[in-house]
Structure formats: C-alpha cells, structure tokens
Amino acid sequence: MPHLYRLVLALVGTAWTTIAFADKPNESLHVTIEIPKINVSEYHRPYVAAWIQDENRKAVANLAVWYQMKDSKEGAGTKWLPDLRQWWRRSGRSLEMPVDGVSGASRPAGEHALSFALDDPRWENMPAGKYILFVEAAREVGGREVLEIPFDWPITKDFSTKVTGKEELGEVSLKLHPAD
C-alpha cells in the first residue's frame, strides 16, 4: 500500500508541475484555431492552412495544412488543396505534400492549438518587420474564409490578440512570448 501512495503523490506532483508551468510556456508563438460546429445535412471537415506572410505578401513560413490525407472514394485529398486559394497561390502549389511538421489530417469541430519554440527553423530567415498570420479554411459543400492577424517580428514583449470568423472559422488567436 505505501507504494500506491508514493505513485499517487508522484502523479499529483507531475500534474501540478504541468499546470503550474502551463502559463509560462517556452513557445514563442502560439496559435489557436477554432473550427465551429456547423449544423448542415452534408458536413465535411474543412481543409485549413495557417501561414505567415511578410508585408510584401510573400509567404515566409507555413505553420499547418490540415486536409484529407488518405485517398477515398471522393478522390485524393491533395486534389482539393487548391480550394485554399490564398494559401495555394502564396505557397501551396510549390510544396510537395505532405510536408513534415506542417501537414496533418483535417480536424473535427473544436479548438486546436499550434505552438512553436523560439528556435524553430521557420523563424531563421525572418528579418525584423511587420508580418501577418493568415488562417484559411475551405469546406466541400460549404464556404471559404480567411482571417488575418498582423504582428511585429522579432518578439520584444508579450502580445495577444484574436479575431473571429463568420462561417468556416470560429475564434483564431495569436499569442507571442519573447525569450526570457
């Protein structure tokens, strides 16, 4: 029985440590994307792309592309990636999918988080300046929506903001945290 108590104390201590440090992540860039629950007769999960563009509208970093990764009776999942029109024009057409660390399966309705450390290679070639986080969603038998969040790079102070979509996207938030 004493071993059980030690195990419980160890688990509680681990959980407390995780909770205590959750507010001080070592990530520098945290994005939350909400996919709203849509009540329609024929629902398909949306394809979603998140990327960063510079002030000249050039894509400088792909953060995520969520799509149907397996072939199905509807065809290959990559066939519909051009429906993410802005992302496709800026970056997608030049990529060979899947992209390690970027590609992922389409997500169900709910809130989904992306976190990136300050030393992530995506930031290596980002000079100081103004940037925009883009999140685009497109859904078969549905609509398409693009949200934008401007921010400055490099991160010099904590920054947090959010925007809300009208149909295909819910709340999208961006939190930036400089190196300690």
Protein backbone atom coordinates (compact mmCIF):
# COMPACT_ATOMS: atom_id res chain seq x y z
CA MET A 1 0.00 0.00 0.00
CA PRO A 2 2.80 2.56 0.69
CA HIS A 3 3.94 2.13 -2.92
CA LEU A 4 0.48 3.10 -4.12
CA TYR A 5 0.60 6.31 -2.04
CA ARG A 6 4.02 7.18 -3.49
CA LEU A 7 2.71 6.58 -7.00
CA VAL A 8 -0.33 8.80 -6.38
CA LEU A 9 1.86 11.55 -4.88
CA ALA A 10 4.24 11.34 -7.84
CA LEU A 11 1.35 11.61 -10.32
CA VAL A 12 -0.23 14.52 -8.45
CA GLY A 13 3.15 16.29 -8.30
CA THR A 14 3.68 15.81 -12.03
CA ALA A 15 0.19 17.11 -12.80
CA TRP A 16 0.71 20.14 -10.52
CA THR A 17 4.05 20.95 -12.18
CA THR A 18 2.43 20.75 -15.61
CA ILE A 19 -0.40 23.06 -14.52
CA ALA A 20 1.93 25.49 -12.71
CA PHE A 21 4.16 25.98 -15.72
CA ALA A 22 1.40 25.96 -18.35
CA ASP A 23 1.15 29.76 -18.12
CA LYS A 24 4.87 30.17 -18.83
CA PRO A 25 5.45 28.14 -21.98
CA ASN A 26 8.80 28.15 -23.71
CA GLU A 27 7.00 28.55 -27.01
CA SER A 28 7.29 31.92 -28.65
CA LEU A 29 4.34 31.65 -30.99
CA HIS A 30 1.05 30.05 -30.05
CA VAL A 31 -1.94 29.90 -32.43
CA THR A 32 -5.38 28.61 -31.53
CA ILE A 33 -7.80 27.82 -34.34
CA GLU A 34 -11.45 27.11 -33.66
CA ILE A 35 -13.42 25.11 -36.18
CA PRO A 36 -17.10 25.79 -35.47
CA LYS A 37 -19.73 23.09 -35.35
CA ILE A 38 -21.95 23.63 -38.37
CA ASN A 39 -25.36 22.01 -38.44
CA VAL A 40 -25.91 21.06 -42.09
CA SER A 41 -27.17 17.91 -43.77
CA GLU A 42 -23.89 17.18 -45.60
CA TYR A 43 -20.92 18.15 -43.44
CA HIS A 44 -17.30 17.72 -44.47
CA ARG A 45 -14.37 18.69 -42.29
CA PRO A 46 -12.70 21.82 -43.63
CA TYR A 47 -9.27 21.99 -45.13
CA VAL A 48 -7.30 24.56 -43.13
CA ALA A 49 -3.98 26.31 -43.77
CA ALA A 50 -2.10 28.60 -41.40
CA TRP A 51 0.93 30.55 -42.58
CA ILE A 52 2.86 33.79 -42.13
CA GLN A 53 3.39 36.42 -44.80
CA ASP A 54 5.65 39.46 -44.78
CA GLU A 55 4.47 42.99 -45.55
CA ASN A 56 5.10 42.33 -49.27
CA ARG A 57 2.57 39.46 -49.07
CA LYS A 58 5.24 36.81 -49.58
CA ALA A 59 4.74 33.57 -47.61
CA VAL A 60 7.68 33.15 -45.23
CA ALA A 61 6.53 30.25 -43.01
CA ASN A 62 3.92 27.51 -43.27
CA LEU A 63 2.58 26.57 -39.85
CA ALA A 64 -0.07 23.97 -40.65
CA VAL A 65 -2.06 22.45 -43.51
CA TRP A 66 -4.89 20.15 -42.45
CA TYR A 67 -6.52 18.10 -45.20
CA GLN A 68 -7.83 14.66 -46.07
CA MET A 69 -4.53 12.82 -46.18
CA LYS A 70 -5.81 9.46 -47.45
CA ASP A 71 -7.39 8.69 -50.78
CA SER A 72 -11.08 7.89 -50.63
CA LYS A 73 -13.98 7.36 -52.97
CA GLU A 74 -14.06 11.15 -53.31
CA GLY A 75 -10.51 11.15 -54.68
CA ALA A 76 -7.08 12.06 -53.42
CA GLY A 77 -7.07 14.53 -50.55
CA THR A 78 -4.47 16.75 -52.21
CA LYS A 79 -6.84 17.25 -55.15
CA TRP A 80 -8.80 19.79 -53.09
CA LEU A 81 -5.86 21.74 -51.64
CA PRO A 82 -6.18 24.43 -54.36
CA ASP A 83 -9.54 25.31 -52.73
CA LEU A 84 -7.42 27.00 -50.06
CA ARG A 85 -6.95 29.69 -52.71
CA GLN A 86 -4.82 32.29 -50.93
CA TRP A 87 -2.52 29.72 -49.35
CA TRP A 88 -2.29 27.82 -52.64
CA ARG A 89 -1.23 30.93 -54.59
CA ARG A 90 1.28 32.09 -51.97
CA SER A 91 2.88 28.78 -51.02
CA GLY A 92 0.92 25.60 -51.59
CA ARG A 93 1.48 25.00 -55.27
CA SER A 94 5.25 24.93 -54.76
CA LEU A 95 5.12 22.32 -51.97
CA GLU A 96 5.21 18.57 -52.29
CA MET A 97 2.66 17.25 -49.82
CA PRO A 98 2.82 16.02 -47.13
CA VAL A 99 5.29 18.42 -45.54
CA ASP A 100 6.98 17.18 -42.37
CA GLY A 101 5.88 19.18 -39.35
CA VAL A 102 3.24 21.08 -41.35
CA SER A 103 0.80 18.59 -42.86
CA GLY A 104 -1.87 16.91 -40.81
CA ALA A 105 -5.26 15.30 -41.09
CA SER A 106 -8.34 17.51 -41.22
CA ARG A 107 -9.66 18.33 -37.76
CA PRO A 108 -13.15 18.00 -36.29
CA ALA A 109 -15.11 20.89 -34.84
CA GLY A 110 -13.42 22.30 -31.75
CA GLU A 111 -10.39 24.30 -30.67
CA HIS A 112 -6.96 23.27 -31.97
CA ALA A 113 -3.61 24.64 -30.78
CA LEU A 114 -0.29 25.10 -32.54
CA SER A 115 2.84 26.04 -30.58
CA PHE A 116 6.29 26.85 -31.86
CA ALA A 117 9.53 27.40 -29.97
CA LEU A 118 11.65 30.49 -30.47
CA ASP A 119 14.42 28.39 -32.03
CA ASP A 120 12.11 26.82 -34.66
CA PRO A 121 13.88 26.86 -38.06
CA ARG A 122 10.89 28.62 -39.64
CA TRP A 123 11.96 31.88 -37.99
CA GLU A 124 15.62 31.77 -39.11
CA ASN A 125 15.05 33.84 -42.24
CA MET A 126 12.52 36.30 -40.83
CA PRO A 127 14.14 39.72 -40.58
CA ALA A 128 12.66 42.36 -38.31
CA GLY A 129 9.47 43.77 -39.72
CA LYS A 130 5.72 43.58 -39.97
CA TYR A 131 4.07 40.21 -40.62
CA ILE A 132 0.59 38.75 -40.90
CA LEU A 133 -0.67 35.41 -39.65
CA PHE A 134 -3.19 34.01 -42.13
CA VAL A 135 -5.64 31.20 -41.41
CA GLU A 136 -7.75 29.97 -44.29
CA ALA A 137 -10.49 27.33 -44.26
CA ALA A 138 -12.42 25.79 -47.16
CA ARG A 139 -15.07 23.12 -46.88
CA GLU A 140 -16.60 20.91 -49.55
CA VAL A 141 -20.28 21.77 -49.98
CA GLY A 142 -19.53 24.74 -47.76
CA GLY A 143 -17.78 28.05 -47.81
CA ARG A 144 -14.33 29.53 -47.63
CA GLU A 145 -12.97 32.02 -45.14
CA VAL A 146 -9.65 33.79 -44.50
CA LEU A 147 -8.67 35.56 -41.27
CA GLU A 148 -5.63 37.80 -40.76
CA ILE A 149 -3.72 38.86 -37.64
CA PRO A 150 -0.90 41.43 -38.07
CA PHE A 151 2.12 41.36 -35.72
CA ASP A 152 5.70 42.62 -35.45
CA TRP A 153 8.83 40.47 -35.51
CA PRO A 154 11.01 39.91 -33.57
CA ILE A 155 9.01 39.44 -30.43
CA THR A 156 10.02 42.09 -27.89
CA LYS A 157 7.07 41.89 -25.48
CA ASP A 158 4.11 39.66 -24.81
CA PHE A 159 1.44 40.06 -27.48
CA SER A 160 -2.01 38.52 -27.61
CA THR A 161 -4.93 39.13 -29.94
CA LYS A 162 -7.78 37.29 -31.58
CA VAL A 163 -10.19 37.56 -34.49
CA THR A 164 -13.45 35.75 -35.09
CA GLY A 165 -14.70 34.25 -38.31
CA LYS A 166 -18.27 34.30 -39.53
CA GLU A 167 -18.82 30.84 -41.04
CA GLU A 168 -15.99 28.38 -41.58
CA LEU A 169 -13.73 29.61 -38.79
CA GLY A 170 -14.53 30.48 -35.20
CA GLU A 171 -12.07 32.33 -32.98
CA VAL A 172 -8.42 32.42 -34.07
CA SER A 173 -5.92 33.71 -31.54
CA LEU A 174 -2.23 34.56 -31.67
CA LYS A 175 -0.02 34.79 -28.59
CA LEU A 176 3.63 35.78 -28.79
CA HIS A 177 6.06 35.43 -25.92
CA PRO A 178 9.67 36.69 -26.15
CA ALA A 179 12.61 34.67 -24.89
CA ASP A 180 13.11 35.07 -21.16
